[in-house]
């Protein structure tokens, strides 16, 4: 019953920008940590950035200074602003969220993924 829906992916030239969005919907008590992961062809899925409900953030070293994660708790939505994109950023980007069905418990949910392609 809980869904994560991503949007904002697309094709962009190196040096360009994209903004990804992910909204959690359904029946739940709260959403705690939310984050973005990515998986390029032939590579393992890796953490890009995450953010707690209180606003604390973590970033992969490869995106520090270029990407910014933020969230709107009232809308249960997380965003990823991606600037100065590089071809190495090309991947399917997945939203992840820790969902609390009730206070004191949570489970992890994945979105369906959105393609980001950065051309040289």
N, C-alpha and C. Protein backbone atom coordinates (compact mmCIF):
# COMPACT_ATOMS: atom_id res chain seq x y z
N UNK A 1 0.80 -1.21 0.00
CA UNK A 1 0.00 0.00 0.00
C UNK A 1 0.84 1.27 0.00
N UNK A 2 2.10 1.19 0.42
CA UNK A 2 3.00 2.34 0.39
C UNK A 2 3.76 2.33 -0.93
N UNK A 3 3.80 3.47 -1.59
CA UNK A 3 4.50 3.61 -2.86
C UNK A 3 5.46 4.78 -2.82
N UNK A 4 6.60 4.62 -3.51
CA UNK A 4 7.54 5.70 -3.74
C UNK A 4 7.59 5.94 -5.24
N UNK A 5 7.28 7.15 -5.66
CA UNK A 5 7.24 7.48 -7.08
C UNK A 5 8.27 8.55 -7.38
N UNK A 6 9.24 8.21 -8.25
CA UNK A 6 10.29 9.14 -8.64
C UNK A 6 9.94 9.84 -9.94
N UNK A 7 10.48 11.04 -10.11
CA UNK A 7 10.33 11.77 -11.35
C UNK A 7 11.50 12.72 -11.51
N UNK A 8 11.70 13.23 -12.73
CA UNK A 8 12.71 14.23 -12.99
C UNK A 8 13.93 13.76 -13.75
N UNK A 9 14.03 12.46 -14.01
CA UNK A 9 15.16 11.96 -14.77
C UNK A 9 15.07 12.37 -16.23
N UNK A 10 16.18 12.17 -16.94
CA UNK A 10 16.21 12.52 -18.35
C UNK A 10 17.60 12.52 -18.91
N UNK A 11 17.73 13.10 -20.10
CA UNK A 11 19.00 13.20 -20.81
C UNK A 11 19.52 14.63 -20.72
N UNK A 12 20.79 14.77 -20.35
CA UNK A 12 21.39 16.09 -20.22
C UNK A 12 22.86 16.00 -20.62
N UNK A 13 23.39 17.10 -21.13
CA UNK A 13 24.81 17.15 -21.48
C UNK A 13 25.66 17.40 -20.25
N UNK A 14 26.91 16.98 -20.33
CA UNK A 14 27.84 17.20 -19.23
C UNK A 14 27.87 18.67 -18.84
N UNK A 15 27.85 18.92 -17.54
CA UNK A 15 27.81 20.27 -17.02
C UNK A 15 26.41 20.77 -16.72
N UNK A 16 25.40 20.05 -17.16
CA UNK A 16 24.02 20.45 -16.95
C UNK A 16 23.49 20.04 -15.60
N UNK A 17 22.19 20.29 -15.39
CA UNK A 17 21.55 20.02 -14.11
C UNK A 17 20.23 19.29 -14.28
N UNK A 18 19.86 18.53 -13.27
CA UNK A 18 18.56 17.88 -13.18
C UNK A 18 18.12 17.90 -11.73
N UNK A 19 16.80 17.85 -11.52
CA UNK A 19 16.25 17.78 -10.18
C UNK A 19 15.30 16.59 -10.09
N UNK A 20 15.61 15.64 -9.22
CA UNK A 20 14.79 14.47 -9.01
C UNK A 20 13.86 14.68 -7.83
N UNK A 21 12.67 14.09 -7.92
CA UNK A 21 11.70 14.14 -6.83
C UNK A 21 11.22 12.73 -6.52
N UNK A 22 10.87 12.49 -5.27
CA UNK A 22 10.33 11.20 -4.85
C UNK A 22 9.30 11.45 -3.76
N UNK A 23 8.07 11.02 -4.02
CA UNK A 23 6.98 11.20 -3.06
C UNK A 23 6.53 9.85 -2.51
N UNK A 24 6.43 9.77 -1.19
CA UNK A 24 5.89 8.59 -0.53
C UNK A 24 4.40 8.79 -0.29
N UNK A 25 3.60 7.80 -0.67
CA UNK A 25 2.16 7.88 -0.48
C UNK A 25 1.63 6.55 0.05
N UNK A 26 0.49 6.61 0.72
CA UNK A 26 -0.12 5.43 1.28
C UNK A 26 -0.46 5.60 2.75
N UNK A 27 -0.65 4.47 3.41
CA UNK A 27 -1.03 4.46 4.82
C UNK A 27 0.19 4.16 5.68
N UNK A 28 0.68 5.16 6.41
CA UNK A 28 1.80 4.98 7.31
C UNK A 28 1.78 6.06 8.38
N UNK A 29 2.54 5.80 9.45
CA UNK A 29 2.60 6.75 10.55
C UNK A 29 3.54 7.91 10.24
N UNK A 30 4.72 7.58 9.72
CA UNK A 30 5.69 8.62 9.40
C UNK A 30 6.75 8.06 8.46
N UNK A 31 7.53 8.96 7.88
CA UNK A 31 8.68 8.61 7.05
C UNK A 31 9.93 9.14 7.73
N UNK A 32 10.87 8.26 8.04
CA UNK A 32 12.09 8.70 8.70
C UNK A 32 13.15 9.05 7.63
N UNK A 33 14.21 8.29 7.56
CA UNK A 33 15.26 8.61 6.60
C UNK A 33 14.82 8.34 5.17
N UNK A 34 15.17 9.23 4.26
CA UNK A 34 14.93 9.07 2.84
C UNK A 34 16.26 9.27 2.12
N UNK A 35 16.41 8.62 0.99
CA UNK A 35 17.67 8.75 0.28
C UNK A 35 17.58 8.38 -1.18
N UNK A 36 18.69 8.62 -1.87
CA UNK A 36 18.82 8.30 -3.28
C UNK A 36 20.01 7.37 -3.49
N UNK A 37 19.79 6.33 -4.27
CA UNK A 37 20.82 5.40 -4.68
C UNK A 37 20.86 5.38 -6.21
N UNK A 38 21.96 4.89 -6.77
CA UNK A 38 22.04 4.78 -8.22
C UNK A 38 22.76 3.50 -8.61
N UNK A 39 22.44 3.01 -9.80
CA UNK A 39 23.07 1.81 -10.32
C UNK A 39 23.34 1.99 -11.81
N UNK A 40 24.62 1.96 -12.16
CA UNK A 40 25.04 2.04 -13.55
C UNK A 40 25.18 0.63 -14.11
N UNK A 41 25.10 0.47 -15.44
CA UNK A 41 25.25 -0.87 -16.03
C UNK A 41 26.56 -1.52 -15.62
N UNK A 42 26.47 -2.76 -15.16
CA UNK A 42 27.65 -3.51 -14.76
C UNK A 42 28.23 -3.14 -13.42
N UNK A 43 27.57 -2.26 -12.67
CA UNK A 43 28.06 -1.84 -11.38
C UNK A 43 27.04 -2.11 -10.28
N UNK A 44 27.50 -2.12 -9.04
CA UNK A 44 26.63 -2.32 -7.90
C UNK A 44 25.85 -1.03 -7.59
N UNK A 45 24.69 -1.21 -6.98
CA UNK A 45 23.93 -0.06 -6.53
C UNK A 45 24.68 0.63 -5.40
N UNK A 46 24.75 1.95 -5.44
CA UNK A 46 25.50 2.70 -4.45
C UNK A 46 24.69 3.85 -3.89
N UNK A 47 25.00 4.22 -2.66
CA UNK A 47 24.35 5.36 -2.03
C UNK A 47 24.84 6.65 -2.67
N UNK A 48 23.92 7.54 -2.99
CA UNK A 48 24.25 8.87 -3.48
C UNK A 48 24.15 9.88 -2.34
N UNK A 49 23.01 9.91 -1.67
CA UNK A 49 22.80 10.83 -0.56
C UNK A 49 21.57 10.39 0.22
N UNK A 50 21.53 10.73 1.51
CA UNK A 50 20.32 10.50 2.28
C UNK A 50 20.12 11.63 3.27
N UNK A 51 18.93 11.68 3.84
CA UNK A 51 18.56 12.77 4.74
C UNK A 51 17.57 12.25 5.77
N UNK A 52 17.76 12.64 7.03
CA UNK A 52 16.85 12.24 8.09
C UNK A 52 15.66 13.19 8.14
N UNK A 53 14.66 12.82 8.93
CA UNK A 53 13.50 13.68 9.08
C UNK A 53 13.87 15.01 9.72
N UNK A 54 14.97 15.04 10.48
CA UNK A 54 15.45 16.26 11.10
C UNK A 54 16.34 17.11 10.22
N UNK A 55 16.70 16.60 9.03
CA UNK A 55 17.48 17.38 8.09
C UNK A 55 18.95 17.06 8.02
N UNK A 56 19.44 16.09 8.78
CA UNK A 56 20.84 15.69 8.70
C UNK A 56 21.10 14.95 7.40
N UNK A 57 22.22 15.26 6.73
CA UNK A 57 22.49 14.70 5.41
C UNK A 57 23.81 13.95 5.36
N UNK A 58 23.89 13.03 4.42
CA UNK A 58 25.11 12.32 4.07
C UNK A 58 25.22 12.26 2.56
N UNK A 59 26.45 12.37 2.05
CA UNK A 59 26.69 12.34 0.61
C UNK A 59 27.83 11.40 0.28
N UNK A 60 27.73 10.75 -0.87
CA UNK A 60 28.87 10.03 -1.41
C UNK A 60 29.96 11.02 -1.78
N UNK A 61 31.22 10.62 -1.62
CA UNK A 61 32.32 11.52 -1.94
C UNK A 61 32.27 12.00 -3.39
N UNK A 62 31.80 11.16 -4.29
CA UNK A 62 31.79 11.49 -5.70
C UNK A 62 30.82 12.61 -6.07
N UNK A 63 29.86 12.91 -5.19
CA UNK A 63 28.86 13.93 -5.52
C UNK A 63 28.91 15.14 -4.59
N UNK A 64 29.77 15.12 -3.59
CA UNK A 64 29.87 16.24 -2.66
C UNK A 64 30.22 17.52 -3.40
N UNK A 65 29.50 18.58 -3.09
CA UNK A 65 29.72 19.86 -3.73
C UNK A 65 28.95 20.05 -5.01
N UNK A 66 28.37 18.97 -5.56
CA UNK A 66 27.61 19.05 -6.80
C UNK A 66 26.13 18.76 -6.61
N UNK A 67 25.81 17.82 -5.72
CA UNK A 67 24.43 17.41 -5.48
C UNK A 67 23.96 17.93 -4.13
N UNK A 68 22.67 18.22 -4.03
CA UNK A 68 22.06 18.65 -2.78
C UNK A 68 20.76 17.89 -2.56
N UNK A 69 20.65 17.24 -1.40
CA UNK A 69 19.43 16.53 -1.05
C UNK A 69 18.62 17.38 -0.08
N UNK A 70 17.31 17.37 -0.23
CA UNK A 70 16.42 18.12 0.65
C UNK A 70 15.09 17.37 0.74
N UNK A 71 14.23 17.81 1.65
CA UNK A 71 12.94 17.14 1.79
C UNK A 71 11.88 18.10 2.29
N UNK A 72 10.64 17.75 2.01
CA UNK A 72 9.47 18.46 2.50
C UNK A 72 8.68 17.45 3.31
N UNK A 73 8.78 17.53 4.63
CA UNK A 73 8.14 16.54 5.48
C UNK A 73 6.62 16.56 5.37
N UNK A 74 6.05 17.74 5.16
CA UNK A 74 4.60 17.85 5.03
C UNK A 74 4.09 17.11 3.80
N UNK A 75 4.92 17.02 2.75
CA UNK A 75 4.54 16.35 1.51
C UNK A 75 5.14 14.95 1.39
N UNK A 76 5.91 14.52 2.40
CA UNK A 76 6.59 13.22 2.35
C UNK A 76 7.38 13.06 1.06
N UNK A 77 8.10 14.10 0.70
CA UNK A 77 8.82 14.14 -0.56
C UNK A 77 10.29 14.49 -0.34
N UNK A 78 11.17 13.79 -1.05
CA UNK A 78 12.59 14.07 -1.02
C UNK A 78 13.03 14.50 -2.42
N UNK A 79 14.00 15.41 -2.47
CA UNK A 79 14.49 15.94 -3.73
C UNK A 79 16.00 15.73 -3.83
N UNK A 80 16.49 15.66 -5.04
CA UNK A 80 17.92 15.62 -5.29
C UNK A 80 18.24 16.59 -6.41
N UNK A 81 18.85 17.71 -6.06
CA UNK A 81 19.31 18.68 -7.05
C UNK A 81 20.70 18.28 -7.51
N UNK A 82 20.86 18.00 -8.79
CA UNK A 82 22.11 17.52 -9.35
C UNK A 82 22.66 18.57 -10.30
N UNK A 83 23.79 19.15 -9.94
CA UNK A 83 24.46 20.17 -10.74
C UNK A 83 25.80 19.66 -11.25
N UNK A 84 26.31 20.33 -12.26
CA UNK A 84 27.61 19.99 -12.85
C UNK A 84 27.69 18.49 -13.12
N UNK A 85 26.69 17.98 -13.80
CA UNK A 85 26.62 16.54 -14.06
C UNK A 85 27.75 16.07 -14.96
N UNK A 86 28.21 14.86 -14.68
CA UNK A 86 29.29 14.23 -15.42
C UNK A 86 28.79 12.94 -16.06
N UNK A 87 29.43 12.49 -17.13
CA UNK A 87 29.03 11.20 -17.73
C UNK A 87 29.05 10.06 -16.71
N UNK A 88 29.94 10.12 -15.73
CA UNK A 88 30.01 9.09 -14.70
C UNK A 88 28.77 9.04 -13.82
N UNK A 89 27.93 10.07 -13.87
CA UNK A 89 26.69 10.10 -13.10
C UNK A 89 25.57 9.32 -13.78
N UNK A 90 25.78 8.88 -15.01
CA UNK A 90 24.77 8.14 -15.74
C UNK A 90 24.41 6.86 -15.00
N UNK A 91 23.13 6.68 -14.70
CA UNK A 91 22.68 5.52 -13.94
C UNK A 91 21.16 5.58 -13.80
N UNK A 92 20.59 4.49 -13.31
CA UNK A 92 19.22 4.51 -12.85
C UNK A 92 19.25 4.94 -11.39
N UNK A 93 18.49 5.97 -11.06
CA UNK A 93 18.46 6.50 -9.71
C UNK A 93 17.21 6.00 -8.99
N UNK A 94 17.40 5.45 -7.80
CA UNK A 94 16.33 4.86 -7.01
C UNK A 94 16.12 5.63 -5.71
N UNK A 95 14.89 5.90 -5.40
CA UNK A 95 14.52 6.49 -4.12
C UNK A 95 14.35 5.38 -3.08
N UNK A 96 14.77 5.65 -1.86
CA UNK A 96 14.60 4.72 -0.75
C UNK A 96 14.09 5.47 0.46
N UNK A 97 13.20 4.84 1.22
CA UNK A 97 12.66 5.48 2.41
C UNK A 97 12.44 4.47 3.51
N UNK A 98 12.67 4.90 4.74
CA UNK A 98 12.35 4.10 5.92
C UNK A 98 10.96 4.52 6.39
N UNK A 99 10.01 3.59 6.29
CA UNK A 99 8.61 3.85 6.58
C UNK A 99 8.27 3.32 7.97
N UNK A 100 7.61 4.14 8.79
CA UNK A 100 7.15 3.71 10.10
C UNK A 100 5.64 3.45 10.04
N UNK A 101 5.21 2.19 10.14
CA UNK A 101 3.77 1.91 10.18
C UNK A 101 3.14 2.38 11.49
N UNK A 102 3.95 2.42 12.53
CA UNK A 102 3.56 2.94 13.83
C UNK A 102 4.82 3.36 14.57
N UNK A 103 4.65 4.12 15.62
CA UNK A 103 5.80 4.62 16.37
C UNK A 103 6.66 3.48 16.89
N UNK A 104 7.97 3.58 16.66
CA UNK A 104 8.90 2.60 17.17
C UNK A 104 9.28 1.48 16.23
N UNK A 105 8.75 1.47 15.01
CA UNK A 105 9.08 0.44 14.04
C UNK A 105 9.17 1.04 12.65
N UNK A 106 9.94 0.41 11.76
CA UNK A 106 10.05 0.89 10.39
C UNK A 106 10.47 -0.23 9.46
N UNK A 107 10.25 -0.02 8.15
CA UNK A 107 10.74 -0.91 7.12
C UNK A 107 11.19 -0.08 5.93
N UNK A 108 12.03 -0.68 5.10
CA UNK A 108 12.59 0.03 3.96
C UNK A 108 11.77 -0.25 2.69
N UNK A 109 11.56 0.78 1.88
CA UNK A 109 10.82 0.66 0.64
C UNK A 109 11.61 1.33 -0.49
N UNK A 110 11.60 0.71 -1.67
CA UNK A 110 12.29 1.23 -2.85
C UNK A 110 11.30 1.75 -3.89
N UNK A 111 11.71 2.81 -4.58
CA UNK A 111 10.97 3.28 -5.74
C UNK A 111 11.32 2.46 -6.97
N UNK A 112 10.67 2.77 -8.08
CA UNK A 112 10.86 1.99 -9.31
C UNK A 112 12.10 2.40 -10.10
N UNK A 113 12.65 3.56 -9.81
CA UNK A 113 13.84 4.04 -10.49
C UNK A 113 13.53 4.99 -11.62
N UNK A 114 14.45 5.93 -11.86
CA UNK A 114 14.33 6.86 -12.97
C UNK A 114 15.70 7.01 -13.63
N UNK A 115 15.72 6.99 -14.96
CA UNK A 115 16.98 7.00 -15.71
C UNK A 115 17.55 8.41 -15.81
N UNK A 116 18.83 8.54 -15.50
CA UNK A 116 19.58 9.77 -15.72
C UNK A 116 20.73 9.45 -16.66
N UNK A 117 20.78 10.14 -17.80
CA UNK A 117 21.82 9.93 -18.78
C UNK A 117 22.54 11.25 -19.04
N UNK A 118 23.86 11.25 -18.87
CA UNK A 118 24.68 12.44 -19.07
C UNK A 118 25.61 12.17 -20.24
N UNK A 119 25.48 12.94 -21.30
CA UNK A 119 26.29 12.75 -22.49
C UNK A 119 27.56 13.59 -22.42
N UNK A 120 28.60 13.14 -23.14
CA UNK A 120 29.88 13.84 -23.16
C UNK A 120 29.81 15.07 -24.04
